[in-house]
Amino acid sequence: MIEVRPGGRRRIDRVLADDYARGIDRLPMSTLRSRRDEAAQEETDLSYLRRLLHARIDIVRAEQERRTSGAVTSVVDQLAAILADNALGPATGSGRHQTLEPSRAGAYRRRAEALVGDADLSDVTALSDDTLTDTLASYREQERSVSQRRREVQAVVDAFNAEMARRYAQGSASVDELLADERGTAGGTGAPDGEGGRA
């Protein structure tokens, strides 16, 4: 389960903190952008973890279906097709196209692998029926947790995007200001300290 720790130092702790978007209409434009970007990166990372979990759920379900149907085709022979829908490039989902790359791909891959302890999906055919059932339940529980946090982070991203759009529409912010700030001529970036700041 993905827990949010009040006052924690992880990016998800910051993005989902109660005060992250507080007073959003009074934040400087540079702070709006840096926080939006930080939240968008967290959304990308959660989407990546979610897709890893989906791939593992699909592998376990395919093996269960193979046993139920009595098919002789090994799940290993089906892996390319099973994983085709979980490609590791920029993700799409919930009507949102993501151009960012996951920032902690290796850590998330290890996290997904650790969820089932001794269950080795490299030889899923060797797992007992009970182990497959328990493995699937573990993956589904984690997927629900990740999906919930992803929706919460998406709401934060949407809030910052909406505020930026409002300012451009009302003329209180301009594209020239954006370009100047991107070049560093309008002061600091306002990026939060630590993980997740814009590179």
C-alpha atoms as a PDB file:
ATOM      1  CA  MET A   1       0.000   0.000   0.000  1.00  0.00           C
ATOM      2  CA  ILE A   2       1.215   3.513  -0.750  1.00  0.00           C
ATOM      3  CA  GLU A   3       0.951   5.616   2.374  1.00  0.00           C
ATOM      4  CA  VAL A   4       1.265   9.385   2.464  1.00  0.00           C
ATOM      5  CA  ARG A   5       3.285  10.573   5.427  1.00  0.00           C
ATOM      6  CA  PRO A   6       2.437  14.047   6.753  1.00  0.00           C
ATOM      7  CA  GLY A   7       5.645  16.074   6.767  1.00  0.00           C
ATOM      8  CA  GLY A   8       7.442  13.329   4.838  1.00  0.00           C
ATOM      9  CA  ARG A   9      10.287  14.096   2.459  1.00  0.00           C
ATOM     10  CA  ARG A  10       9.207  11.946  -0.476  1.00  0.00           C
ATOM     11  CA  ARG A  11       7.762  13.662  -3.511  1.00  0.00           C
ATOM     12  CA  ILE A  12       4.346  12.043  -3.039  1.00  0.00           C
ATOM     13  CA  ASP A  13       4.276  13.318   0.553  1.00  0.00           C
ATOM     14  CA  ARG A  14       4.846  16.869  -0.692  1.00  0.00           C
ATOM     15  CA  VAL A  15       2.436  16.696  -3.626  1.00  0.00           C
ATOM     16  CA  LEU A  16      -0.424  15.315  -1.534  1.00  0.00           C
ATOM     17  CA  ALA A  17       0.231  17.521   1.498  1.00  0.00           C
ATOM     18  CA  ASP A  18      -2.736  19.686   2.507  1.00  0.00           C
ATOM     19  CA  ASP A  19      -0.804  22.908   1.948  1.00  0.00           C
ATOM     20  CA  TYR A  20       0.745  22.060  -1.433  1.00  0.00           C
ATOM     21  CA  ALA A  21      -1.953  23.852  -3.447  1.00  0.00           C
ATOM     22  CA  ARG A  22      -3.209  26.086  -0.648  1.00  0.00           C
ATOM     23  CA  GLY A  23      -3.514  29.707  -1.760  1.00  0.00           C
ATOM     24  CA  ILE A  24      -2.948  28.598  -5.325  1.00  0.00           C
ATOM     25  CA  ASP A  25      -4.341  31.853  -6.696  1.00  0.00           C
ATOM     26  CA  ARG A  26      -1.626  33.802  -4.849  1.00  0.00           C
ATOM     27  CA  LEU A  27       1.384  31.681  -5.784  1.00  0.00           C
ATOM     28  CA  PRO A  28       3.962  33.161  -8.173  1.00  0.00           C
ATOM     29  CA  MET A  29       3.763  31.766 -11.685  1.00  0.00           C
ATOM     30  CA  SER A  30       7.196  30.171 -11.361  1.00  0.00           C
ATOM     31  CA  THR A  31       6.052  28.304  -8.243  1.00  0.00           C
ATOM     32  CA  LEU A  32       2.879  27.183  -9.985  1.00  0.00           C
ATOM     33  CA  ARG A  33       4.917  25.736 -12.829  1.00  0.00           C
ATOM     34  CA  SER A  34       7.507  24.029 -10.650  1.00  0.00           C
ATOM     35  CA  ARG A  35       4.859  22.439  -8.428  1.00  0.00           C
ATOM     36  CA  ARG A  36       2.796  21.399 -11.453  1.00  0.00           C
ATOM     37  CA  ASP A  37       5.900  19.813 -12.973  1.00  0.00           C
ATOM     38  CA  GLU A  38       6.744  18.029  -9.728  1.00  0.00           C
ATOM     39  CA  ALA A  39       3.212  16.656  -9.439  1.00  0.00           C
ATOM     40  CA  ALA A  40       3.242  15.627 -13.114  1.00  0.00           C
ATOM     41  CA  GLN A  41       6.454  13.667 -12.549  1.00  0.00           C
ATOM     42  CA  GLU A  42       4.856  11.884  -9.597  1.00  0.00           C
ATOM     43  CA  GLU A  43       1.855  11.043 -11.786  1.00  0.00           C
ATOM     44  CA  THR A  44       4.203   9.602 -14.416  1.00  0.00           C
ATOM     45  CA  ASP A  45       6.007   7.458 -11.858  1.00  0.00           C
ATOM     46  CA  LEU A  46       2.758   6.148 -10.388  1.00  0.00           C
ATOM     47  CA  SER A  47       1.505   5.365 -13.899  1.00  0.00           C
ATOM     48  CA  TYR A  48       4.702   3.410 -14.556  1.00  0.00           C
ATOM     49  CA  LEU A  49       4.305   1.369 -11.364  1.00  0.00           C
ATOM     50  CA  ARG A  50       0.638   0.770 -12.216  1.00  0.00           C
ATOM     51  CA  ARG A  51       1.578  -0.586 -15.637  1.00  0.00           C
ATOM     52  CA  LEU A  52       4.190  -2.890 -14.108  1.00  0.00           C
ATOM     53  CA  LEU A  53       1.498  -4.257 -11.830  1.00  0.00           C
ATOM     54  CA  HIS A  54      -0.935  -4.660 -14.728  1.00  0.00           C
ATOM     55  CA  ALA A  55       1.665  -6.687 -16.620  1.00  0.00           C
ATOM     56  CA  ARG A  56       2.178  -8.994 -13.646  1.00  0.00           C
ATOM     57  CA  ILE A  57      -1.572  -9.355 -13.106  1.00  0.00           C
ATOM     58  CA  ASP A  58      -1.930 -10.324 -16.771  1.00  0.00           C
ATOM     59  CA  ILE A  59       0.828 -12.948 -16.475  1.00  0.00           C
ATOM     60  CA  VAL A  60      -0.755 -14.571 -13.416  1.00  0.00           C
ATOM     61  CA  ARG A  61      -4.232 -14.528 -14.941  1.00  0.00           C
ATOM     62  CA  ALA A  62      -2.907 -16.025 -18.190  1.00  0.00           C
ATOM     63  CA  GLU A  63      -1.368 -18.918 -16.262  1.00  0.00           C
ATOM     64  CA  GLN A  64      -4.592 -19.460 -14.314  1.00  0.00           C
ATOM     65  CA  GLU A  65      -6.599 -19.482 -17.548  1.00  0.00           C
ATOM     66  CA  ARG A  66      -4.110 -21.890 -19.160  1.00  0.00           C
ATOM     67  CA  ARG A  67      -4.566 -24.335 -16.296  1.00  0.00           C
ATOM     68  CA  THR A  68      -8.344 -24.010 -16.342  1.00  0.00           C
ATOM     69  CA  SER A  69      -8.607 -24.550 -20.093  1.00  0.00           C
ATOM     70  CA  GLY A  70      -5.987 -27.289 -20.204  1.00  0.00           C
ATOM     71  CA  ALA A  71      -4.084 -25.452 -22.942  1.00  0.00           C
ATOM     72  CA  VAL A  72      -0.604 -26.740 -23.677  1.00  0.00           C
ATOM     73  CA  THR A  73       0.822 -23.388 -24.817  1.00  0.00           C
ATOM     74  CA  SER A  74       3.182 -22.077 -22.153  1.00  0.00           C
ATOM     75  CA  VAL A  75       2.636 -18.601 -20.708  1.00  0.00           C
ATOM     76  CA  VAL A  76       6.303 -17.962 -21.499  1.00  0.00           C
ATOM     77  CA  ASP A  77       5.408 -18.338 -25.189  1.00  0.00           C
ATOM     78  CA  GLN A  78       2.652 -15.735 -24.721  1.00  0.00           C
ATOM     79  CA  LEU A  79       4.762 -13.172 -22.876  1.00  0.00           C
ATOM     80  CA  ALA A  80       5.325 -10.912 -25.885  1.00  0.00           C
ATOM     81  CA  ALA A  81       1.573 -10.608 -26.436  1.00  0.00           C
ATOM     82  CA  ILE A  82       0.816 -10.266 -22.721  1.00  0.00           C
ATOM     83  CA  LEU A  83       3.326  -7.451 -22.280  1.00  0.00           C
ATOM     84  CA  ALA A  84       2.521  -5.661 -25.538  1.00  0.00           C
ATOM     85  CA  ASP A  85      -0.165  -3.585 -23.831  1.00  0.00           C
ATOM     86  CA  ASN A  86       2.225  -2.633 -21.048  1.00  0.00           C
ATOM     87  CA  ALA A  87       5.060  -1.188 -23.096  1.00  0.00           C
ATOM     88  CA  LEU A  88       7.513   0.909 -21.098  1.00  0.00           C
ATOM     89  CA  GLY A  89       7.393   4.074 -23.189  1.00  0.00           C
ATOM     90  CA  PRO A  90       5.401   7.216 -22.258  1.00  0.00           C
ATOM     91  CA  ALA A  91       2.047   6.096 -20.901  1.00  0.00           C
ATOM     92  CA  THR A  92      -1.466   6.936 -21.930  1.00  0.00           C
ATOM     93  CA  GLY A  93      -4.456   6.429 -19.693  1.00  0.00           C
ATOM     94  CA  SER A  94      -7.458   8.216 -18.255  1.00  0.00           C
ATOM     95  CA  GLY A  95      -7.433  10.354 -21.399  1.00  0.00           C
ATOM     96  CA  ARG A  96      -4.031  11.810 -20.443  1.00  0.00           C
ATOM     97  CA  HIS A  97      -0.951  11.670 -22.648  1.00  0.00           C
ATOM     98  CA  GLN A  98       2.303  11.704 -20.711  1.00  0.00           C
ATOM     99  CA  THR A  99       5.555  12.901 -22.251  1.00  0.00           C
ATOM    100  CA  LEU A 100       7.695  12.490 -19.132  1.00  0.00           C
ATOM    101  CA  GLU A 101       9.771   9.410 -18.413  1.00  0.00           C
ATOM    102  CA  PRO A 102       9.585   7.666 -15.016  1.00  0.00           C
ATOM    103  CA  SER A 103      12.300   8.987 -12.713  1.00  0.00           C
ATOM    104  CA  ARG A 104      12.602   5.886 -10.530  1.00  0.00           C
ATOM    105  CA  ALA A 105      11.989   3.013 -12.970  1.00  0.00           C
ATOM    106  CA  GLY A 106      14.481   0.653 -11.344  1.00  0.00           C
ATOM    107  CA  ALA A 107      13.136   1.215  -7.848  1.00  0.00           C
ATOM    108  CA  TYR A 108       9.551   0.674  -8.976  1.00  0.00           C
ATOM    109  CA  ARG A 109      10.481  -2.510 -10.828  1.00  0.00           C
ATOM    110  CA  ARG A 110      12.116  -3.876  -7.673  1.00  0.00           C
ATOM    111  CA  ARG A 111       9.076  -2.856  -5.638  1.00  0.00           C
ATOM    112  CA  ALA A 112       6.726  -4.751  -7.927  1.00  0.00           C
ATOM    113  CA  GLU A 113       8.990  -7.804  -7.821  1.00  0.00           C
ATOM    114  CA  ALA A 114       9.155  -7.737  -4.014  1.00  0.00           C
ATOM    115  CA  LEU A 115       5.384  -7.730  -3.564  1.00  0.00           C
ATOM    116  CA  VAL A 116       5.025 -11.475  -3.778  1.00  0.00           C
ATOM    117  CA  GLY A 117       8.091 -12.529  -1.833  1.00  0.00           C
ATOM    118  CA  ASP A 118       9.130 -15.959  -3.079  1.00  0.00           C
ATOM    119  CA  ALA A 119       6.760 -16.049  -6.048  1.00  0.00           C
ATOM    120  CA  ASP A 120       9.009 -16.112  -9.128  1.00  0.00           C
ATOM    121  CA  LEU A 121       7.108 -14.997 -12.206  1.00  0.00           C
ATOM    122  CA  SER A 122      10.031 -15.989 -14.425  1.00  0.00           C
ATOM    123  CA  ASP A 123       8.748 -19.559 -13.941  1.00  0.00           C
ATOM    124  CA  VAL A 124       5.084 -18.923 -13.261  1.00  0.00           C
ATOM    125  CA  THR A 125       4.188 -22.470 -14.322  1.00  0.00           C
ATOM    126  CA  ALA A 126       6.015 -23.803 -11.258  1.00  0.00           C
ATOM    127  CA  LEU A 127       3.792 -21.936  -8.800  1.00  0.00           C
ATOM    128  CA  SER A 128       1.003 -23.777  -7.028  1.00  0.00           C
ATOM    129  CA  ASP A 129      -2.615 -22.821  -7.610  1.00  0.00           C
ATOM    130  CA  ASP A 130      -2.805 -21.337  -4.101  1.00  0.00           C
ATOM    131  CA  THR A 131       0.340 -19.288  -4.642  1.00  0.00           C
ATOM    132  CA  LEU A 132      -1.033 -17.959  -7.914  1.00  0.00           C
ATOM    133  CA  THR A 133      -4.269 -16.956  -6.169  1.00  0.00           C
ATOM    134  CA  ASP A 134      -2.391 -15.208  -3.348  1.00  0.00           C
ATOM    135  CA  THR A 135      -0.040 -13.520  -5.821  1.00  0.00           C
ATOM    136  CA  LEU A 136      -2.924 -12.173  -7.879  1.00  0.00           C
ATOM    137  CA  ALA A 137      -4.640 -10.833  -4.740  1.00  0.00           C
ATOM    138  CA  SER A 138      -1.420  -9.059  -3.683  1.00  0.00           C
ATOM    139  CA  TYR A 139      -0.956  -7.442  -7.078  1.00  0.00           C
ATOM    140  CA  ARG A 140      -4.587  -6.337  -7.283  1.00  0.00           C
ATOM    141  CA  GLU A 141      -4.508  -4.791  -3.814  1.00  0.00           C
ATOM    142  CA  GLN A 142      -1.362  -2.857  -4.657  1.00  0.00           C
ATOM    143  CA  GLU A 143      -2.802  -1.796  -8.024  1.00  0.00           C
ATOM    144  CA  ARG A 144      -5.878  -0.364  -6.294  1.00  0.00           C
ATOM    145  CA  SER A 145      -3.657   1.599  -3.909  1.00  0.00           C
ATOM    146  CA  VAL A 146      -1.476   2.942  -6.723  1.00  0.00           C
ATOM    147  CA  SER A 147      -4.522   3.873  -8.821  1.00  0.00           C
ATOM    148  CA  GLN A 148      -6.081   5.774  -5.909  1.00  0.00           C
ATOM    149  CA  ARG A 149      -2.902   7.769  -5.267  1.00  0.00           C
ATOM    150  CA  ARG A 150      -2.537   8.412  -8.990  1.00  0.00           C
ATOM    151  CA  ARG A 151      -6.045   9.888  -9.141  1.00  0.00           C
ATOM    152  CA  GLU A 152      -5.245  12.123  -6.158  1.00  0.00           C
ATOM    153  CA  VAL A 153      -2.037  13.338  -7.802  1.00  0.00           C
ATOM    154  CA  GLN A 154      -3.867  13.920 -11.100  1.00  0.00           C
ATOM    155  CA  ALA A 155      -6.294  16.192  -9.255  1.00  0.00           C
ATOM    156  CA  VAL A 156      -3.334  18.251  -8.005  1.00  0.00           C
ATOM    157  CA  VAL A 157      -1.861  18.508 -11.509  1.00  0.00           C
ATOM    158  CA  ASP A 158      -5.257  19.558 -12.851  1.00  0.00           C
ATOM    159  CA  ALA A 159      -5.613  22.245 -10.178  1.00  0.00           C
ATOM    160  CA  PHE A 160      -2.286  23.846 -11.106  1.00  0.00           C
ATOM    161  CA  ASN A 161      -3.002  23.598 -14.835  1.00  0.00           C
ATOM    162  CA  ALA A 162      -6.410  25.211 -14.335  1.00  0.00           C
ATOM    163  CA  GLU A 163      -4.930  28.091 -12.346  1.00  0.00           C
ATOM    164  CA  MET A 164      -2.241  28.690 -14.975  1.00  0.00           C
ATOM    165  CA  ALA A 165      -4.858  28.612 -17.742  1.00  0.00           C
ATOM    166  CA  ARG A 166      -7.016  31.069 -15.787  1.00  0.00           C
ATOM    167  CA  ARG A 167      -4.155  33.536 -15.506  1.00  0.00           C
ATOM    168  CA  TYR A 168      -3.333  33.346 -19.208  1.00  0.00           C
ATOM    169  CA  ALA A 169      -7.014  33.760 -20.106  1.00  0.00           C
ATOM    170  CA  GLN A 170      -7.361  36.827 -17.863  1.00  0.00           C
ATOM    171  CA  GLY A 171      -4.084  38.349 -19.024  1.00  0.00           C
ATOM    172  CA  SER A 172      -2.434  38.260 -15.616  1.00  0.00           C
ATOM    173  CA  ALA A 173       0.281  36.022 -17.079  1.00  0.00           C
ATOM    174  CA  SER A 174       1.871  36.061 -20.498  1.00  0.00           C
ATOM    175  CA  VAL A 175       3.778  33.728 -22.749  1.00  0.00           C
ATOM    176  CA  ASP A 176       6.645  36.256 -22.775  1.00  0.00           C
ATOM    177  CA  GLU A 177       6.847  35.984 -18.996  1.00  0.00           C
ATOM    178  CA  LEU A 178       6.874  32.192 -19.275  1.00  0.00           C
ATOM    179  CA  LEU A 179       9.718  32.227 -21.819  1.00  0.00           C
ATOM    180  CA  ALA A 180      11.713  34.748 -19.779  1.00  0.00           C
ATOM    181  CA  ASP A 181      11.295  32.690 -16.647  1.00  0.00           C
ATOM    182  CA  GLU A 182      12.297  29.516 -18.492  1.00  0.00           C
ATOM    183  CA  ARG A 183      15.548  31.278 -19.458  1.00  0.00           C
ATOM    184  CA  GLY A 184      16.111  32.243 -15.835  1.00  0.00           C
ATOM    185  CA  THR A 185      15.749  35.981 -16.415  1.00  0.00           C
ATOM    186  CA  ALA A 186      12.710  36.368 -14.200  1.00  0.00           C
ATOM    187  CA  GLY A 187      14.318  35.143 -10.986  1.00  0.00           C
ATOM    188  CA  GLY A 188      14.478  31.679  -9.421  1.00  0.00           C
ATOM    189  CA  THR A 189      12.454  28.722 -10.506  1.00  0.00           C
ATOM    190  CA  GLY A 190      10.777  28.279  -7.147  1.00  0.00           C
ATOM    191  CA  ALA A 191      11.358  24.523  -7.380  1.00  0.00           C
ATOM    192  CA  PRO A 192      11.029  22.704  -4.069  1.00  0.00           C
ATOM    193  CA  ASP A 193      14.178  21.322  -2.511  1.00  0.00           C
ATOM    194  CA  GLY A 194      14.998  17.660  -2.946  1.00  0.00           C
ATOM    195  CA  GLU A 195      13.592  14.984  -5.186  1.00  0.00           C
ATOM    196  CA  GLY A 196      11.311  15.816  -8.028  1.00  0.00           C
ATOM    197  CA  GLY A 197      12.487  19.343  -8.912  1.00  0.00           C
ATOM    198  CA  ARG A 198      12.672  20.109 -12.588  1.00  0.00           C
ATOM    199  CA  ALA A 199      16.039  19.303 -14.138  1.00  0.00           C
END
